[in-house]
Amino acid sequence: MTAPTPSEHDPYYSRYISLVSSDDIVSTLAEQIETTLALLRGAGFRQEPGKWSIRQVVGHLSDTERILSYRALRIARNDKTPIEGFEQDDYVRHGPFESCPLSSLIDEFLQVRQATLSLFRHLDPDAWVRTGTVNNAHISVRALAWIIAGHELHHCTALQQKYLSPKL
């Protein structure tokens, strides 16, 4: 399978899709688990003023992946009902992330990713190319899978560049 074409998603999502270099999206999603978990478990983080905390970023990754996977499920099952958008800042603002141990949020992220992998591993070829409407834009199941992977890469890169405390 190859990456989605621009006609399969809103142009906004190109910023995530372009970060994924492999055409084997299920393997990419599986391989990301270890890389992301190693980053989150092994690093000391500092919070930048006015930015989300590391807990909020991890919670955001889980929330967004749940939402994108739900969208993929509905479209894969040929549900033609338009799907609404969501406001990520509201989800972070009203999430319980600051009161949860980081280790708990990391475990939750792992569970969400395992559920995502289970969904994508069992899709037939027709389901991957089905399209639907999300937030008034056309999107394919294949594009949603690439967006999930690219979204994670985007945030992991930001964490490495902006939040990691230098190791002494």
N, C-alpha and C. Protein backbone atom coordinates (compact mmCIF):
# COMPACT_ATOMS: atom_id res chain seq x y z
N MET A 1 0.85 -1.17 0.00
CA MET A 1 0.00 0.00 0.00
C MET A 1 0.90 1.24 0.00
N THR A 2 0.47 2.26 -0.69
CA THR A 2 1.23 3.49 -0.75
C THR A 2 0.53 4.58 0.06
N ALA A 3 1.26 5.63 0.30
CA ALA A 3 0.71 6.76 1.05
C ALA A 3 -0.51 7.33 0.32
N PRO A 4 -1.40 7.96 1.07
CA PRO A 4 -2.58 8.53 0.43
C PRO A 4 -2.21 9.70 -0.49
N THR A 5 -3.02 9.87 -1.50
CA THR A 5 -2.83 11.01 -2.41
C THR A 5 -3.47 12.25 -1.81
N PRO A 6 -3.09 13.43 -2.26
CA PRO A 6 -3.70 14.65 -1.73
C PRO A 6 -5.22 14.70 -1.89
N SER A 7 -5.77 13.96 -2.84
CA SER A 7 -7.23 13.98 -3.03
C SER A 7 -7.96 13.20 -1.94
N GLU A 8 -7.21 12.48 -1.07
CA GLU A 8 -7.82 11.64 -0.04
C GLU A 8 -7.92 12.33 1.32
N HIS A 9 -7.53 13.58 1.41
CA HIS A 9 -7.55 14.24 2.72
C HIS A 9 -7.51 15.75 2.57
N ASP A 10 -7.88 16.41 3.63
CA ASP A 10 -7.78 17.86 3.70
C ASP A 10 -6.29 18.25 3.63
N PRO A 11 -5.94 19.30 2.91
CA PRO A 11 -4.54 19.70 2.80
C PRO A 11 -3.84 19.92 4.16
N TYR A 12 -4.58 20.27 5.19
CA TYR A 12 -4.00 20.47 6.52
C TYR A 12 -3.21 19.24 6.97
N TYR A 13 -3.71 18.05 6.64
CA TYR A 13 -3.09 16.82 7.13
C TYR A 13 -1.83 16.43 6.39
N SER A 14 -1.49 17.11 5.32
CA SER A 14 -0.24 16.82 4.61
C SER A 14 0.96 16.99 5.52
N ARG A 15 0.86 17.89 6.49
CA ARG A 15 1.97 18.13 7.42
C ARG A 15 2.30 16.88 8.24
N TYR A 16 1.32 16.02 8.49
CA TYR A 16 1.56 14.77 9.21
C TYR A 16 1.91 13.64 8.25
N ILE A 17 1.15 13.51 7.19
CA ILE A 17 1.35 12.42 6.23
C ILE A 17 2.76 12.46 5.66
N SER A 18 3.26 13.66 5.38
CA SER A 18 4.59 13.80 4.78
C SER A 18 5.71 13.34 5.71
N LEU A 19 5.45 13.21 6.99
CA LEU A 19 6.46 12.76 7.94
C LEU A 19 6.68 11.25 7.91
N VAL A 20 5.74 10.52 7.32
CA VAL A 20 5.80 9.06 7.30
C VAL A 20 6.51 8.62 6.02
N SER A 21 7.63 7.94 6.19
CA SER A 21 8.46 7.58 5.03
C SER A 21 8.18 6.18 4.48
N SER A 22 7.46 5.37 5.19
CA SER A 22 7.22 3.98 4.78
C SER A 22 5.85 3.83 4.14
N ASP A 23 5.75 2.86 3.23
CA ASP A 23 4.45 2.52 2.65
C ASP A 23 3.76 1.42 3.44
N ASP A 24 4.44 0.82 4.40
CA ASP A 24 3.84 -0.22 5.24
C ASP A 24 3.36 0.45 6.53
N ILE A 25 2.17 1.00 6.47
CA ILE A 25 1.68 1.82 7.58
C ILE A 25 1.42 1.01 8.84
N VAL A 26 0.97 -0.21 8.73
CA VAL A 26 0.71 -1.01 9.92
C VAL A 26 2.03 -1.30 10.64
N SER A 27 3.06 -1.65 9.90
CA SER A 27 4.38 -1.87 10.52
C SER A 27 4.93 -0.58 11.12
N THR A 28 4.72 0.52 10.44
CA THR A 28 5.17 1.82 10.96
C THR A 28 4.50 2.10 12.30
N LEU A 29 3.20 1.92 12.37
CA LEU A 29 2.48 2.16 13.62
C LEU A 29 2.97 1.23 14.73
N ALA A 30 3.25 -0.01 14.39
CA ALA A 30 3.75 -0.95 15.39
C ALA A 30 5.15 -0.58 15.86
N GLU A 31 6.01 -0.20 14.94
CA GLU A 31 7.38 0.16 15.29
C GLU A 31 7.46 1.45 16.09
N GLN A 32 6.53 2.35 15.87
CA GLN A 32 6.53 3.61 16.61
C GLN A 32 6.36 3.39 18.11
N ILE A 33 5.68 2.34 18.48
CA ILE A 33 5.41 2.10 19.90
C ILE A 33 6.71 2.12 20.70
N GLU A 34 7.67 1.31 20.30
CA GLU A 34 8.91 1.21 21.07
C GLU A 34 9.68 2.52 21.08
N THR A 35 9.75 3.19 19.94
CA THR A 35 10.49 4.44 19.86
C THR A 35 9.86 5.51 20.76
N THR A 36 8.56 5.62 20.69
CA THR A 36 7.86 6.63 21.48
C THR A 36 7.91 6.29 22.97
N LEU A 37 7.70 5.03 23.30
CA LEU A 37 7.77 4.64 24.71
C LEU A 37 9.16 4.87 25.28
N ALA A 38 10.19 4.58 24.51
CA ALA A 38 11.56 4.82 24.98
C ALA A 38 11.80 6.31 25.21
N LEU A 39 11.29 7.13 24.31
CA LEU A 39 11.42 8.58 24.47
C LEU A 39 10.72 9.05 25.74
N LEU A 40 9.49 8.61 25.93
CA LEU A 40 8.70 9.08 27.05
C LEU A 40 9.19 8.55 28.39
N ARG A 41 9.64 7.31 28.40
CA ARG A 41 10.06 6.70 29.66
C ARG A 41 11.48 7.08 30.09
N GLY A 42 12.32 7.43 29.13
CA GLY A 42 13.72 7.61 29.46
C GLY A 42 14.21 9.04 29.55
N ALA A 43 13.35 9.97 29.35
CA ALA A 43 13.81 11.35 29.26
C ALA A 43 13.32 12.19 30.44
N GLY A 44 14.10 13.19 30.76
CA GLY A 44 13.65 14.21 31.69
C GLY A 44 13.11 15.36 30.87
N PHE A 45 11.97 15.86 31.24
CA PHE A 45 11.33 16.90 30.46
C PHE A 45 11.23 18.20 31.26
N ARG A 46 11.33 19.27 30.56
CA ARG A 46 11.05 20.58 31.13
C ARG A 46 9.85 21.13 30.36
N GLN A 47 9.05 21.90 31.00
CA GLN A 47 7.87 22.47 30.34
C GLN A 47 8.20 23.87 29.86
N GLU A 48 7.86 24.14 28.62
CA GLU A 48 8.02 25.49 28.10
C GLU A 48 6.83 26.34 28.55
N PRO A 49 7.10 27.56 28.95
CA PRO A 49 6.00 28.45 29.38
C PRO A 49 4.95 28.61 28.27
N GLY A 50 3.69 28.51 28.66
CA GLY A 50 2.59 28.69 27.72
C GLY A 50 2.34 27.52 26.80
N LYS A 51 3.05 26.42 26.99
CA LYS A 51 2.87 25.23 26.15
C LYS A 51 2.27 24.11 26.98
N TRP A 52 1.76 23.09 26.28
CA TRP A 52 1.23 21.94 26.99
C TRP A 52 2.35 21.26 27.77
N SER A 53 2.00 20.68 28.89
CA SER A 53 2.96 19.88 29.66
C SER A 53 3.18 18.55 28.96
N ILE A 54 4.18 17.81 29.37
CA ILE A 54 4.42 16.50 28.79
C ILE A 54 3.23 15.58 29.03
N ARG A 55 2.61 15.67 30.19
CA ARG A 55 1.42 14.86 30.45
C ARG A 55 0.30 15.23 29.48
N GLN A 56 0.13 16.51 29.25
CA GLN A 56 -0.90 16.94 28.31
C GLN A 56 -0.61 16.47 26.89
N VAL A 57 0.65 16.47 26.49
CA VAL A 57 1.00 16.00 25.15
C VAL A 57 0.68 14.51 25.02
N VAL A 58 1.04 13.72 26.02
CA VAL A 58 0.76 12.28 25.96
C VAL A 58 -0.75 12.03 25.95
N GLY A 59 -1.48 12.76 26.79
CA GLY A 59 -2.94 12.65 26.79
C GLY A 59 -3.53 13.04 25.44
N HIS A 60 -3.00 14.10 24.85
CA HIS A 60 -3.44 14.55 23.53
C HIS A 60 -3.18 13.47 22.48
N LEU A 61 -2.02 12.83 22.53
CA LEU A 61 -1.73 11.75 21.58
C LEU A 61 -2.78 10.64 21.68
N SER A 62 -3.11 10.25 22.90
CA SER A 62 -4.11 9.18 23.09
C SER A 62 -5.48 9.63 22.62
N ASP A 63 -5.91 10.82 23.03
CA ASP A 63 -7.23 11.31 22.63
C ASP A 63 -7.35 11.41 21.11
N THR A 64 -6.35 11.99 20.48
CA THR A 64 -6.40 12.18 19.03
C THR A 64 -6.39 10.85 18.30
N GLU A 65 -5.57 9.92 18.76
CA GLU A 65 -5.54 8.61 18.11
C GLU A 65 -6.89 7.90 18.26
N ARG A 66 -7.50 8.01 19.42
CA ARG A 66 -8.84 7.42 19.60
C ARG A 66 -9.83 8.00 18.59
N ILE A 67 -9.81 9.31 18.47
CA ILE A 67 -10.76 9.98 17.58
C ILE A 67 -10.50 9.61 16.12
N LEU A 68 -9.24 9.64 15.71
CA LEU A 68 -8.91 9.30 14.33
C LEU A 68 -9.22 7.84 14.02
N SER A 69 -8.96 6.95 14.97
CA SER A 69 -9.28 5.53 14.78
C SER A 69 -10.79 5.31 14.69
N TYR A 70 -11.53 6.03 15.51
CA TYR A 70 -12.99 5.95 15.45
C TYR A 70 -13.49 6.39 14.07
N ARG A 71 -12.90 7.46 13.57
CA ARG A 71 -13.27 7.93 12.24
C ARG A 71 -12.95 6.85 11.20
N ALA A 72 -11.77 6.25 11.32
CA ALA A 72 -11.37 5.20 10.37
C ALA A 72 -12.33 4.02 10.45
N LEU A 73 -12.72 3.63 11.64
CA LEU A 73 -13.67 2.52 11.81
C LEU A 73 -14.99 2.83 11.11
N ARG A 74 -15.53 3.99 11.37
CA ARG A 74 -16.81 4.34 10.75
C ARG A 74 -16.74 4.35 9.24
N ILE A 75 -15.68 4.94 8.71
CA ILE A 75 -15.56 5.01 7.25
C ILE A 75 -15.27 3.62 6.68
N ALA A 76 -14.43 2.83 7.34
CA ALA A 76 -14.13 1.48 6.87
C ALA A 76 -15.38 0.62 6.81
N ARG A 77 -16.30 0.84 7.73
CA ARG A 77 -17.54 0.08 7.76
C ARG A 77 -18.62 0.67 6.85
N ASN A 78 -18.20 1.64 6.03
CA ASN A 78 -19.06 2.27 5.03
C ASN A 78 -20.17 3.13 5.63
N ASP A 79 -19.93 3.68 6.79
CA ASP A 79 -20.87 4.63 7.41
C ASP A 79 -20.71 5.95 6.68
N LYS A 80 -21.75 6.38 6.01
CA LYS A 80 -21.71 7.61 5.20
C LYS A 80 -22.11 8.86 5.97
N THR A 81 -22.42 8.71 7.25
CA THR A 81 -22.81 9.86 8.06
C THR A 81 -21.61 10.79 8.24
N PRO A 82 -21.76 12.07 7.93
CA PRO A 82 -20.65 13.00 8.15
C PRO A 82 -20.23 13.02 9.63
N ILE A 83 -18.93 13.11 9.84
CA ILE A 83 -18.37 13.09 11.18
C ILE A 83 -17.88 14.50 11.53
N GLU A 84 -18.22 14.93 12.73
CA GLU A 84 -17.85 16.28 13.16
C GLU A 84 -16.37 16.37 13.53
N GLY A 85 -15.87 17.59 13.60
CA GLY A 85 -14.50 17.83 14.05
C GLY A 85 -14.45 17.87 15.57
N PHE A 86 -13.27 18.17 16.10
CA PHE A 86 -13.12 18.34 17.54
C PHE A 86 -12.08 19.42 17.80
N GLU A 87 -12.18 20.04 18.93
CA GLU A 87 -11.25 21.11 19.31
C GLU A 87 -10.22 20.54 20.27
N GLN A 88 -9.01 20.33 19.78
CA GLN A 88 -7.98 19.68 20.59
C GLN A 88 -7.67 20.43 21.88
N ASP A 89 -7.67 21.73 21.85
CA ASP A 89 -7.36 22.50 23.06
C ASP A 89 -8.40 22.28 24.15
N ASP A 90 -9.67 22.14 23.77
CA ASP A 90 -10.71 21.85 24.76
C ASP A 90 -10.50 20.47 25.38
N TYR A 91 -10.11 19.50 24.56
CA TYR A 91 -9.87 18.16 25.08
C TYR A 91 -8.72 18.18 26.08
N VAL A 92 -7.67 18.90 25.77
CA VAL A 92 -6.53 18.98 26.69
C VAL A 92 -6.94 19.74 27.95
N ARG A 93 -7.62 20.84 27.77
CA ARG A 93 -8.04 21.66 28.91
C ARG A 93 -8.92 20.88 29.89
N HIS A 94 -9.78 20.02 29.37
CA HIS A 94 -10.73 19.31 30.21
C HIS A 94 -10.32 17.86 30.49
N GLY A 95 -9.15 17.49 30.04
CA GLY A 95 -8.64 16.14 30.32
C GLY A 95 -8.03 16.09 31.72
N PRO A 96 -7.94 14.91 32.29
CA PRO A 96 -7.41 14.75 33.65
C PRO A 96 -5.89 14.59 33.70
N PHE A 97 -5.21 14.97 32.65
CA PHE A 97 -3.81 14.59 32.46
C PHE A 97 -2.87 15.05 33.56
N GLU A 98 -3.07 16.24 34.08
CA GLU A 98 -2.15 16.77 35.09
C GLU A 98 -2.26 16.02 36.42
N SER A 99 -3.38 15.35 36.64
CA SER A 99 -3.54 14.60 37.89
C SER A 99 -3.17 13.12 37.75
N CYS A 100 -2.73 12.73 36.57
CA CYS A 100 -2.35 11.33 36.32
C CYS A 100 -0.83 11.19 36.31
N PRO A 101 -0.34 10.09 36.85
CA PRO A 101 1.10 9.84 36.74
C PRO A 101 1.47 9.68 35.26
N LEU A 102 2.63 10.18 34.88
CA LEU A 102 3.07 10.04 33.50
C LEU A 102 3.11 8.58 33.08
N SER A 103 3.54 7.70 33.97
CA SER A 103 3.60 6.27 33.63
C SER A 103 2.22 5.72 33.27
N SER A 104 1.18 6.20 33.93
CA SER A 104 -0.19 5.77 33.63
C SER A 104 -0.62 6.27 32.25
N LEU A 105 -0.28 7.50 31.93
CA LEU A 105 -0.62 8.05 30.62
C LEU A 105 0.13 7.33 29.50
N ILE A 106 1.37 6.95 29.77
CA ILE A 106 2.15 6.19 28.79
C ILE A 106 1.52 4.82 28.57
N ASP A 107 1.12 4.15 29.64
CA ASP A 107 0.45 2.85 29.52
C ASP A 107 -0.85 2.98 28.73
N GLU A 108 -1.60 4.04 28.98
CA GLU A 108 -2.83 4.27 28.24
C GLU A 108 -2.55 4.47 26.76
N PHE A 109 -1.52 5.25 26.44
CA PHE A 109 -1.15 5.46 25.04
C PHE A 109 -0.83 4.12 24.37
N LEU A 110 -0.10 3.26 25.06
CA LEU A 110 0.24 1.94 24.52
C LEU A 110 -1.03 1.13 24.23
N GLN A 111 -1.98 1.17 25.15
CA GLN A 111 -3.24 0.44 24.95
C GLN A 111 -4.03 0.99 23.77
N VAL A 112 -4.05 2.30 23.63
CA VAL A 112 -4.75 2.92 22.50
C VAL A 112 -4.10 2.48 21.20
N ARG A 113 -2.76 2.52 21.15
CA ARG A 113 -2.06 2.12 19.92
C ARG A 113 -2.31 0.65 19.60
N GLN A 114 -2.34 -0.20 20.60
CA GLN A 114 -2.61 -1.61 20.34
C GLN A 114 -4.01 -1.80 19.76
N ALA A 115 -4.98 -1.04 20.24
CA ALA A 115 -6.33 -1.11 19.68
C ALA A 115 -6.34 -0.59 18.24
N THR A 116 -5.60 0.47 17.97
CA THR A 116 -5.50 1.00 16.60
C THR A 116 -4.91 -0.04 15.67
N LEU A 117 -3.84 -0.68 16.12
CA LEU A 117 -3.21 -1.72 15.30
C LEU A 117 -4.17 -2.87 15.03
N SER A 118 -4.92 -3.27 16.02
CA SER A 118 -5.89 -4.35 15.84
C SER A 118 -6.91 -3.98 14.77
N LEU A 119 -7.39 -2.75 14.80
CA LEU A 119 -8.33 -2.29 13.79
C LEU A 119 -7.71 -2.35 12.40
N PHE A 120 -6.55 -1.74 12.23
CA PHE A 120 -5.95 -1.65 10.90
C PHE A 120 -5.47 -3.00 10.37
N ARG A 121 -5.03 -3.87 11.24
CA ARG A 121 -4.55 -5.19 10.79
C ARG A 121 -5.67 -6.04 10.20
N HIS A 122 -6.89 -5.74 10.57
CA HIS A 122 -8.02 -6.57 10.12
C HIS A 122 -8.87 -5.92 9.03
N LEU A 123 -8.40 -4.85 8.44
CA LEU A 123 -9.14 -4.23 7.35
C LEU A 123 -8.86 -4.95 6.04
N ASP A 124 -9.90 -5.12 5.24
CA ASP A 124 -9.69 -5.69 3.91
C ASP A 124 -9.29 -4.57 2.94
N PRO A 125 -8.78 -4.91 1.77
CA PRO A 125 -8.30 -3.88 0.84
C PRO A 125 -9.35 -2.83 0.48
N ASP A 126 -10.61 -3.23 0.35
CA ASP A 126 -11.66 -2.25 0.02
C ASP A 126 -11.85 -1.23 1.13
N ALA A 127 -11.73 -1.66 2.37
CA ALA A 127 -11.93 -0.75 3.50
C ALA A 127 -10.88 0.36 3.53
N TRP A 128 -9.64 0.02 3.16
CA TRP A 128 -8.56 1.01 3.19
C TRP A 128 -8.82 2.19 2.28
N VAL A 129 -9.52 1.97 1.19
CA VAL A 129 -9.72 3.06 0.21
C VAL A 129 -11.10 3.71 0.32
N ARG A 130 -11.92 3.26 1.25
CA ARG A 130 -13.21 3.90 1.44
C ARG A 130 -13.00 5.33 1.93
N THR A 131 -13.95 6.18 1.55
CA THR A 131 -13.85 7.58 1.94
C THR A 131 -15.11 8.03 2.65
N GLY A 132 -14.95 9.08 3.41
CA GLY A 132 -16.07 9.66 4.13
C GLY A 132 -15.83 11.15 4.29
N THR A 133 -16.71 11.77 5.07
CA THR A 133 -16.62 13.20 5.31
C THR A 133 -16.36 13.43 6.79
N VAL A 134 -15.27 14.13 7.07
CA VAL A 134 -14.90 14.49 8.44
C VAL A 134 -14.66 15.98 8.48
N ASN A 135 -15.37 16.66 9.38
CA ASN A 135 -15.21 18.10 9.54
C ASN A 135 -15.37 18.81 8.19
N ASN A 136 -16.38 18.37 7.43
CA ASN A 136 -16.73 18.92 6.12
C ASN A 136 -15.66 18.72 5.05
N ALA A 137 -14.76 17.75 5.25
CA ALA A 137 -13.71 17.46 4.26
C ALA A 137 -13.71 15.97 3.94
N HIS A 138 -13.35 15.66 2.72
CA HIS A 138 -13.26 14.30 2.21
C HIS A 138 -11.99 13.65 2.77
N ILE A 139 -12.10 12.37 3.22
CA ILE A 139 -10.92 11.68 3.75
C ILE A 139 -11.07 10.18 3.57
N SER A 140 -9.94 9.49 3.39
CA SER A 140 -9.95 8.03 3.25
C SER A 140 -9.45 7.39 4.54
N VAL A 141 -9.77 6.11 4.68
CA VAL A 141 -9.26 5.33 5.81
C VAL A 141 -7.73 5.31 5.75
N ARG A 142 -7.19 5.12 4.56
CA ARG A 142 -5.74 5.10 4.39
C ARG A 142 -5.12 6.41 4.86
N ALA A 143 -5.72 7.52 4.53
CA ALA A 143 -5.19 8.81 4.98
C ALA A 143 -5.23 8.91 6.50
N LEU A 144 -6.29 8.42 7.13
CA LEU A 144 -6.38 8.48 8.59
C LEU A 144 -5.25 7.68 9.24
N ALA A 145 -4.90 6.54 8.68
CA ALA A 145 -3.80 5.74 9.23
C ALA A 145 -2.48 6.52 9.15
N TRP A 146 -2.24 7.14 8.01
CA TRP A 146 -1.01 7.92 7.85
C TRP A 146 -1.01 9.15 8.76
N ILE A 147 -2.16 9.75 8.95
CA ILE A 147 -2.26 10.91 9.83
C ILE A 147 -1.93 10.51 11.27
N ILE A 148 -2.43 9.37 11.71
CA ILE A 148 -2.13 8.90 13.07
C ILE A 148 -0.61 8.77 13.24
N ALA A 149 0.04 8.11 12.30
CA ALA A 149 1.49 7.92 12.39
C ALA A 149 2.23 9.25 12.33
N GLY A 150 1.85 10.10 11.42
CA GLY A 150 2.51 11.39 11.27
C GLY A 150 2.28 12.31 12.44
N HIS A 151 1.09 12.27 13.01
CA HIS A 151 0.77 13.08 14.18
C HIS A 151 1.68 12.71 15.34
N GLU A 152 1.89 11.41 15.54
CA GLU A 152 2.79 10.97 16.60
C GLU A 152 4.22 11.43 16.32
N LEU A 153 4.68 11.27 15.07
CA LEU A 153 6.03 11.71 14.72
C LEU A 153 6.19 13.22 14.96
N HIS A 154 5.19 13.98 14.60
CA HIS A 154 5.22 15.43 14.80
C HIS A 154 5.43 15.77 16.28
N HIS A 155 4.66 15.15 17.14
CA HIS A 155 4.76 15.47 18.56
C HIS A 155 6.04 14.91 19.19
N CYS A 156 6.49 13.75 18.76
CA CYS A 156 7.76 13.21 19.29
C CYS A 156 8.93 14.10 18.89
N THR A 157 8.92 14.59 17.67
CA THR A 157 9.98 15.51 17.24
C THR A 157 9.93 16.79 18.08
N ALA A 158 8.74 17.32 18.30
CA ALA A 158 8.62 18.53 19.12
C ALA A 158 9.10 18.27 20.54
N LEU A 159 8.76 17.12 21.10
CA LEU A 159 9.22 16.80 22.45
C LEU A 159 10.75 16.74 22.50
N GLN A 160 11.35 16.11 21.51
CA GLN A 160 12.81 16.01 21.49
C GLN A 160 13.47 17.38 21.35
N GLN A 161 12.90 18.22 20.51
CA GLN A 161 13.52 19.52 20.24
C GLN A 161 13.25 20.57 21.31
N LYS A 162 12.07 20.53 21.91
CA LYS A 162 11.67 21.63 22.78
C LYS A 162 11.58 21.28 24.26
N TYR A 163 11.38 20.00 24.56
CA TYR A 163 11.06 19.66 25.94
C TYR A 163 12.13 18.84 26.66
N LEU A 164 13.02 18.21 25.93
CA LEU A 164 13.99 17.35 26.59
C LEU A 164 15.01 18.17 27.36
N SER A 165 15.17 17.81 28.59
CA SER A 165 16.24 18.42 29.39
C SER A 165 17.55 17.78 28.99
N PRO A 166 18.61 18.56 28.88
CA PRO A 166 19.89 17.95 28.52
C PRO A 166 20.34 16.96 29.58
N LYS A 167 20.87 15.83 29.10
CA LYS A 167 21.40 14.82 30.03
C LYS A 167 22.75 15.29 30.53
N LEU A 168 22.98 15.13 31.82
CA LEU A 168 24.24 15.53 32.41
C LEU A 168 25.19 14.36 32.51
